[in-house]
């Protein structure tokens, strides 16, 4: 539980950073890393808990990653995607699954990080 709280806190800080730091250099690296870390753990838990604990595990972990803060993080991720600050291909395979699901119905409206 403490791990989830820590991941939420870290990704929320990343999603609240100034937009200008999201496109290049160390700021970009930290932004993508924080978002990826959060979604990696969320997706990994969603896959592993059912394998280990069956349906009760699946139900439990789905509830654990469905807090108001998780919904806020998803919305901020959708906004970052729509504004061109991130794309699913920025992430490793596990995190990418979760990010693809979160941004599935979003459209990129601006290419903020285009050179």
Protein backbone atom coordinates (compact mmCIF):
# COMPACT_ATOMS: atom_id res chain seq x y z
CA UNK A 1 0.00 0.00 0.00
CA UNK A 2 2.82 2.43 0.87
CA UNK A 3 4.37 1.72 -2.52
CA UNK A 4 1.20 2.78 -4.32
CA UNK A 5 1.03 5.98 -2.28
CA UNK A 6 4.66 6.75 -3.10
CA UNK A 7 4.15 6.07 -6.83
CA UNK A 8 1.07 8.31 -6.88
CA UNK A 9 2.95 11.11 -5.15
CA UNK A 10 5.90 10.90 -7.56
CA UNK A 11 3.79 10.84 -10.74
CA UNK A 12 1.56 13.66 -9.48
CA UNK A 13 4.66 15.82 -8.95
CA UNK A 14 5.84 14.98 -12.48
CA UNK A 15 2.45 15.79 -14.01
CA UNK A 16 2.35 19.11 -12.17
CA UNK A 17 5.80 20.28 -13.32
CA UNK A 18 6.03 23.22 -15.71
CA UNK A 19 5.14 22.18 -19.24
CA UNK A 20 8.40 23.52 -20.64
CA UNK A 21 10.41 20.92 -18.72
CA UNK A 22 8.56 18.03 -20.36
CA UNK A 23 10.12 18.24 -23.81
CA UNK A 24 13.88 17.98 -23.54
CA UNK A 25 16.86 17.06 -21.46
CA UNK A 26 16.77 15.94 -17.87
CA UNK A 27 13.26 17.35 -17.36
CA UNK A 28 11.90 15.13 -20.14
CA UNK A 29 13.76 12.11 -18.82
CA UNK A 30 12.35 12.61 -15.31
CA UNK A 31 8.83 13.27 -16.62
CA UNK A 32 8.71 10.09 -18.74
CA UNK A 33 10.44 8.05 -16.04
CA UNK A 34 7.94 9.07 -13.33
CA UNK A 35 4.90 8.48 -15.51
CA UNK A 36 6.32 5.17 -16.73
CA UNK A 37 7.17 3.97 -13.20
CA UNK A 38 3.63 4.62 -11.99
CA UNK A 39 1.95 2.87 -14.93
CA UNK A 40 4.46 0.00 -14.86
CA UNK A 41 3.55 -0.85 -11.28
CA UNK A 42 -0.15 -0.38 -11.87
CA UNK A 43 -0.15 -2.66 -14.94
CA UNK A 44 2.16 -5.21 -13.35
CA UNK A 45 -0.10 -5.47 -10.29
CA UNK A 46 -3.17 -5.78 -12.54
CA UNK A 47 -1.53 -8.74 -14.29
CA UNK A 48 0.13 -10.46 -11.33
CA UNK A 49 -2.55 -10.31 -8.64
CA UNK A 50 -5.04 -12.37 -10.68
CA UNK A 51 -2.31 -14.91 -11.52
CA UNK A 52 -1.42 -15.32 -7.86
CA UNK A 53 -4.76 -14.78 -6.10
CA UNK A 54 -7.38 -15.40 -8.80
CA UNK A 55 -10.54 -13.30 -9.03
CA UNK A 56 -10.34 -12.05 -5.42
CA UNK A 57 -6.85 -10.72 -6.19
CA UNK A 58 -8.01 -9.12 -9.43
CA UNK A 59 -10.91 -7.41 -7.66
CA UNK A 60 -8.71 -6.28 -4.78
CA UNK A 61 -5.96 -4.74 -6.93
CA UNK A 62 -8.44 -3.10 -9.31
CA UNK A 63 -9.95 -1.36 -6.30
CA UNK A 64 -6.52 -0.37 -4.96
CA UNK A 65 -5.61 1.38 -8.23
CA UNK A 66 -9.01 3.12 -8.61
CA UNK A 67 -8.76 5.89 -6.04
CA UNK A 68 -9.67 9.48 -6.73
CA UNK A 69 -5.96 10.22 -7.04
CA UNK A 70 -5.56 7.48 -9.67
CA UNK A 71 -8.44 8.98 -11.66
CA UNK A 72 -6.80 12.41 -11.41
CA UNK A 73 -3.48 10.94 -12.62
CA UNK A 74 -5.27 9.32 -15.56
CA UNK A 75 -6.89 12.64 -16.48
CA UNK A 76 -3.57 14.49 -16.30
CA UNK A 77 -1.99 11.74 -18.40
CA UNK A 78 -4.76 12.08 -20.99
CA UNK A 79 -4.19 15.83 -21.08
CA UNK A 80 -0.43 15.39 -21.45
CA UNK A 81 -1.04 12.97 -24.33
CA UNK A 82 -3.55 15.26 -26.05
CA UNK A 83 -1.10 18.15 -25.75
CA UNK A 84 1.71 16.09 -27.27
CA UNK A 85 3.90 15.75 -24.17
CA UNK A 86 3.92 11.96 -24.20
CA UNK A 87 2.97 9.00 -26.33
CA UNK A 88 2.65 5.30 -25.49
CA UNK A 89 5.86 4.50 -27.38
CA UNK A 90 7.80 6.54 -24.79
CA UNK A 91 7.33 3.68 -22.33
CA UNK A 92 8.43 0.08 -21.91
CA UNK A 93 6.05 -2.74 -22.80
CA UNK A 94 4.35 -3.11 -19.40
CA UNK A 95 3.75 0.61 -18.78
CA UNK A 96 2.79 1.09 -22.43
CA UNK A 97 -0.20 -1.27 -22.01
CA UNK A 98 -1.60 0.87 -19.20
CA UNK A 99 -0.88 4.18 -20.95
CA UNK A 100 -2.51 2.93 -24.17
CA UNK A 101 -5.64 2.05 -22.21
CA UNK A 102 -5.73 5.42 -20.45
CA UNK A 103 -5.28 7.49 -23.64
CA UNK A 104 -7.28 5.24 -25.97
CA UNK A 105 -10.16 7.69 -26.48
CA UNK A 106 -7.99 10.81 -26.57
CA UNK A 107 -6.85 12.70 -29.64
CA UNK A 108 -3.57 14.56 -29.95
CA UNK A 109 -4.63 18.16 -30.49
CA UNK A 110 -1.25 19.90 -30.15
CA UNK A 111 2.32 18.76 -30.75
CA UNK A 112 3.90 20.63 -27.85
CA UNK A 113 7.21 18.78 -28.02
CA UNK A 114 7.58 18.83 -31.81
CA UNK A 115 10.85 20.26 -32.98
